[in-house]
Amino acid sequence: MHLDPLAILTAFGLIFLAELPDKTMFASLAMGTRMRPLYVWFGTSSAFVVHVAIAVGAGGLIGLLPDWIVKLVSAALFAFGAFMLLRSGGGDDDEDEEIKTVTGFWPVYSTAFMAVFISEWGDLTQITTANLAASNGAWSTAIGAAAALMSVSALALLAGRFIAKRVPLKTVQRIGGVCMLGLAIWSVVEIFTG
């Protein structure tokens, strides 16, 4: 196993920048306002590691799944997330009622894992990782790409916590729900335009 520091930095930089405006970052931010951020991060990071391993080990595997099916499942998951956030964020007459946060490790972990695992199939970062692995070495690319993806998720979760402390939770949930609904629509639009 040979590690090339330049290849690690190249993979980190490219993947970090590609993931910043990605829908997964916004999904992490939304989940972080409703669930324990550390548990969300474990779930998203695990999904990212699996995707990096798949991209590095078998870049052509992505082509086996029809793109429209991946986007449709992703849209359904985002729509479900929007429904959950908007449902819990509605009703201003319940201001005194304490809002329950999903706190159990396994429910949060599995929700975050599945949201990222399904939505990242065939994503630009996965394709970029596969291409980098072919030219810059598998291990170096895997380390750089995984570190970049996990960093973006952590950044989104920190931003989510920062926002949640300064804005009423119901407002954050409504905004998060609208964002998730937008991501669901975006995924459906990608089926017809991609």
Protein backbone atom coordinates (compact mmCIF):
# COMPACT_ATOMS: atom_id res chain seq x y z
CA MET A 1 0.00 0.00 0.00
CA HIS A 2 1.56 3.26 -1.18
CA LEU A 3 0.15 6.58 0.04
CA ASP A 4 0.79 9.70 -1.99
CA PRO A 5 0.22 12.88 0.08
CA LEU A 6 -0.39 14.94 -3.08
CA ALA A 7 -3.02 12.46 -4.28
CA ILE A 8 -4.70 12.58 -0.85
CA LEU A 9 -4.79 16.39 -0.92
CA THR A 10 -6.01 16.44 -4.52
CA ALA A 11 -8.86 14.05 -3.72
CA PHE A 12 -9.71 15.97 -0.54
CA GLY A 13 -9.80 19.33 -2.31
CA LEU A 14 -11.81 18.23 -5.33
CA ILE A 15 -14.33 16.18 -3.39
CA PHE A 16 -14.73 18.79 -0.63
CA LEU A 17 -15.51 21.53 -3.16
CA ALA A 18 -17.84 19.28 -5.17
CA GLU A 19 -19.78 18.21 -2.06
CA LEU A 20 -20.25 21.70 -0.57
CA PRO A 21 -23.21 22.70 -2.75
CA ASP A 22 -24.52 19.12 -2.88
CA LYS A 23 -27.96 18.09 -1.68
CA THR A 24 -26.42 15.72 0.88
CA MET A 25 -24.90 18.66 2.73
CA PHE A 26 -28.32 20.29 3.03
CA ALA A 27 -29.89 17.01 4.12
CA SER A 28 -27.24 16.67 6.84
CA LEU A 29 -27.93 20.22 7.96
CA ALA A 30 -31.67 19.52 8.17
CA MET A 31 -31.17 16.22 10.05
CA GLY A 32 -28.78 17.94 12.46
CA THR A 33 -31.49 20.35 13.60
CA ARG A 34 -33.84 17.52 14.53
CA MET A 35 -31.50 14.70 15.59
CA ARG A 36 -28.34 14.34 17.60
CA PRO A 37 -25.60 15.70 15.34
CA LEU A 38 -22.93 13.20 16.39
CA TYR A 39 -25.22 10.27 15.60
CA VAL A 40 -26.13 11.85 12.26
CA TRP A 41 -22.44 12.30 11.52
CA PHE A 42 -21.72 8.63 12.29
CA GLY A 43 -24.53 7.62 9.91
CA THR A 44 -23.53 9.95 7.09
CA SER A 45 -19.84 9.15 7.50
CA SER A 46 -20.49 5.41 7.37
CA ALA A 47 -22.50 5.84 4.17
CA PHE A 48 -19.76 7.99 2.67
CA VAL A 49 -17.09 5.40 3.52
CA VAL A 50 -19.15 2.68 1.85
CA HIS A 51 -19.61 4.85 -1.24
CA VAL A 52 -15.92 5.68 -1.40
CA ALA A 53 -15.08 1.97 -1.13
CA ILE A 54 -17.51 1.17 -3.94
CA ALA A 55 -16.23 4.01 -6.11
CA VAL A 56 -12.60 3.09 -5.56
CA GLY A 57 -13.08 -0.65 -5.82
CA ALA A 58 -15.49 -0.80 -8.70
CA GLY A 59 -16.09 2.52 -10.42
CA GLY A 60 -18.11 0.84 -13.12
CA LEU A 61 -20.60 -0.59 -10.61
CA ILE A 62 -22.58 2.66 -10.68
CA GLY A 63 -23.50 1.99 -14.28
CA LEU A 64 -25.35 -1.21 -13.30
CA LEU A 65 -28.13 0.71 -11.58
CA PRO A 66 -30.54 2.70 -13.74
CA ASP A 67 -30.01 6.37 -12.92
CA TRP A 68 -33.72 7.19 -12.86
CA ILE A 69 -34.41 4.56 -10.20
CA VAL A 70 -31.67 5.94 -7.94
CA LYS A 71 -33.03 9.48 -8.34
CA LEU A 72 -36.62 8.35 -7.75
CA VAL A 73 -35.73 6.57 -4.49
CA SER A 74 -33.68 9.59 -3.45
CA ALA A 75 -36.64 11.89 -4.17
CA ALA A 76 -38.94 9.66 -2.11
CA LEU A 77 -36.55 9.76 0.86
CA PHE A 78 -36.22 13.54 0.66
CA ALA A 79 -40.02 13.88 0.38
CA PHE A 80 -40.46 11.69 3.46
CA GLY A 81 -37.93 13.80 5.35
CA ALA A 82 -39.79 16.97 4.28
CA PHE A 83 -43.08 15.49 5.44
CA MET A 84 -41.63 14.59 8.84
CA LEU A 85 -40.05 18.02 9.34
CA LEU A 86 -43.08 20.00 8.14
CA ARG A 87 -45.49 17.86 10.14
CA SER A 88 -43.56 18.42 13.35
CA GLY A 89 -42.89 22.08 12.53
CA GLY A 90 -46.54 23.02 11.99
CA GLY A 91 -49.10 24.37 14.43
CA ASP A 92 -48.05 27.54 16.21
CA ASP A 93 -50.71 26.92 18.85
CA ASP A 94 -48.50 24.25 20.39
CA GLU A 95 -45.68 26.64 21.38
CA ASP A 96 -45.64 25.37 24.98
CA GLU A 97 -45.53 21.75 23.92
CA GLU A 98 -42.01 20.36 24.01
CA ILE A 99 -40.78 19.23 20.61
CA LYS A 100 -39.38 15.74 20.67
CA THR A 101 -36.00 15.20 19.13
CA VAL A 102 -35.07 11.82 17.72
CA THR A 103 -32.27 10.78 20.06
CA GLY A 104 -31.73 7.02 19.94
CA PHE A 105 -28.47 6.06 18.29
CA TRP A 106 -29.78 3.37 15.93
CA PRO A 107 -32.83 5.27 14.62
CA VAL A 108 -30.74 8.38 13.94
CA TYR A 109 -27.79 6.42 12.55
CA SER A 110 -29.92 4.33 10.20
CA THR A 111 -31.93 7.34 8.97
CA ALA A 112 -28.77 9.33 8.23
CA PHE A 113 -27.02 6.32 6.68
CA MET A 114 -29.89 5.45 4.35
CA ALA A 115 -30.53 9.06 3.31
CA VAL A 116 -26.91 9.49 2.22
CA PHE A 117 -26.38 5.94 0.95
CA ILE A 118 -29.28 6.08 -1.48
CA SER A 119 -28.93 9.71 -2.57
CA GLU A 120 -25.20 9.47 -3.32
CA TRP A 121 -25.47 6.72 -5.97
CA GLY A 122 -23.98 8.02 -9.17
CA ASP A 123 -23.33 11.41 -7.59
CA LEU A 124 -20.64 13.68 -9.00
CA THR A 125 -18.40 13.01 -5.99
CA GLN A 126 -18.69 9.25 -6.41
CA ILE A 127 -17.86 9.44 -10.10
CA THR A 128 -14.98 11.84 -9.38
CA THR A 129 -13.66 9.48 -6.72
CA ALA A 130 -13.75 6.56 -9.16
CA ASN A 131 -11.88 8.61 -11.76
CA LEU A 132 -9.27 9.83 -9.28
CA ALA A 133 -8.71 6.29 -8.01
CA ALA A 134 -7.95 5.12 -11.52
CA SER A 135 -5.26 7.75 -12.00
CA ASN A 136 -3.97 8.65 -8.53
CA GLY A 137 -4.07 5.38 -6.62
CA ALA A 138 -6.88 3.71 -4.74
CA TRP A 139 -5.76 4.16 -1.12
CA SER A 140 -4.70 7.79 -1.44
CA THR A 141 -7.92 8.67 -3.22
CA ALA A 142 -10.03 6.76 -0.71
CA ILE A 143 -8.46 8.54 2.25
CA GLY A 144 -8.75 11.98 0.69
CA ALA A 145 -12.30 11.49 -0.57
CA ALA A 146 -13.61 9.99 2.68
CA ALA A 147 -12.01 12.76 4.74
CA ALA A 148 -13.54 15.41 2.47
CA LEU A 149 -17.05 13.93 2.59
CA MET A 150 -16.95 13.48 6.35
CA SER A 151 -15.67 17.05 6.76
CA VAL A 152 -18.53 18.52 4.72
CA SER A 153 -21.03 16.54 6.77
CA ALA A 154 -19.47 17.79 10.02
CA LEU A 155 -19.52 21.36 8.72
CA ALA A 156 -23.21 21.06 7.82
CA LEU A 157 -24.05 19.61 11.23
CA LEU A 158 -22.17 22.38 13.05
CA ALA A 159 -24.03 24.98 10.98
CA GLY A 160 -27.28 23.20 11.82
CA ARG A 161 -26.55 23.36 15.55
CA PHE A 162 -25.51 27.02 15.30
CA ILE A 163 -28.75 27.91 13.51
CA ALA A 164 -30.88 25.82 15.88
CA LYS A 165 -29.53 27.73 18.91
CA ARG A 166 -30.40 31.13 17.41
CA VAL A 167 -33.66 30.48 15.58
CA PRO A 168 -36.80 28.91 17.08
CA LEU A 169 -36.83 25.16 16.41
CA LYS A 170 -40.20 25.24 14.65
CA THR A 171 -38.89 27.84 12.19
CA VAL A 172 -35.76 25.76 11.57
CA GLN A 173 -37.90 22.66 11.02
CA ARG A 174 -40.12 24.48 8.53
CA ILE A 175 -37.11 25.78 6.62
CA GLY A 176 -35.50 22.32 6.75
CA GLY A 177 -38.73 20.75 5.53
CA VAL A 178 -38.98 23.19 2.62
CA CYS A 179 -35.30 22.48 1.77
CA MET A 180 -35.92 18.72 1.85
CA LEU A 181 -39.02 19.19 -0.33
CA GLY A 182 -36.90 21.23 -2.74
CA LEU A 183 -34.32 18.42 -2.82
CA ALA A 184 -37.07 15.89 -3.55
CA ILE A 185 -38.30 18.03 -6.45
CA TRP A 186 -34.71 18.53 -7.64
CA SER A 187 -34.17 14.75 -7.67
CA VAL A 188 -37.36 14.22 -9.73
CA VAL A 189 -36.36 16.98 -12.16
CA GLU A 190 -32.96 15.27 -12.59
CA ILE A 191 -34.77 12.11 -13.77
CA PHE A 192 -36.20 14.00 -16.74
CA THR A 193 -33.26 16.33 -17.47
CA GLY A 194 -30.30 14.06 -16.73
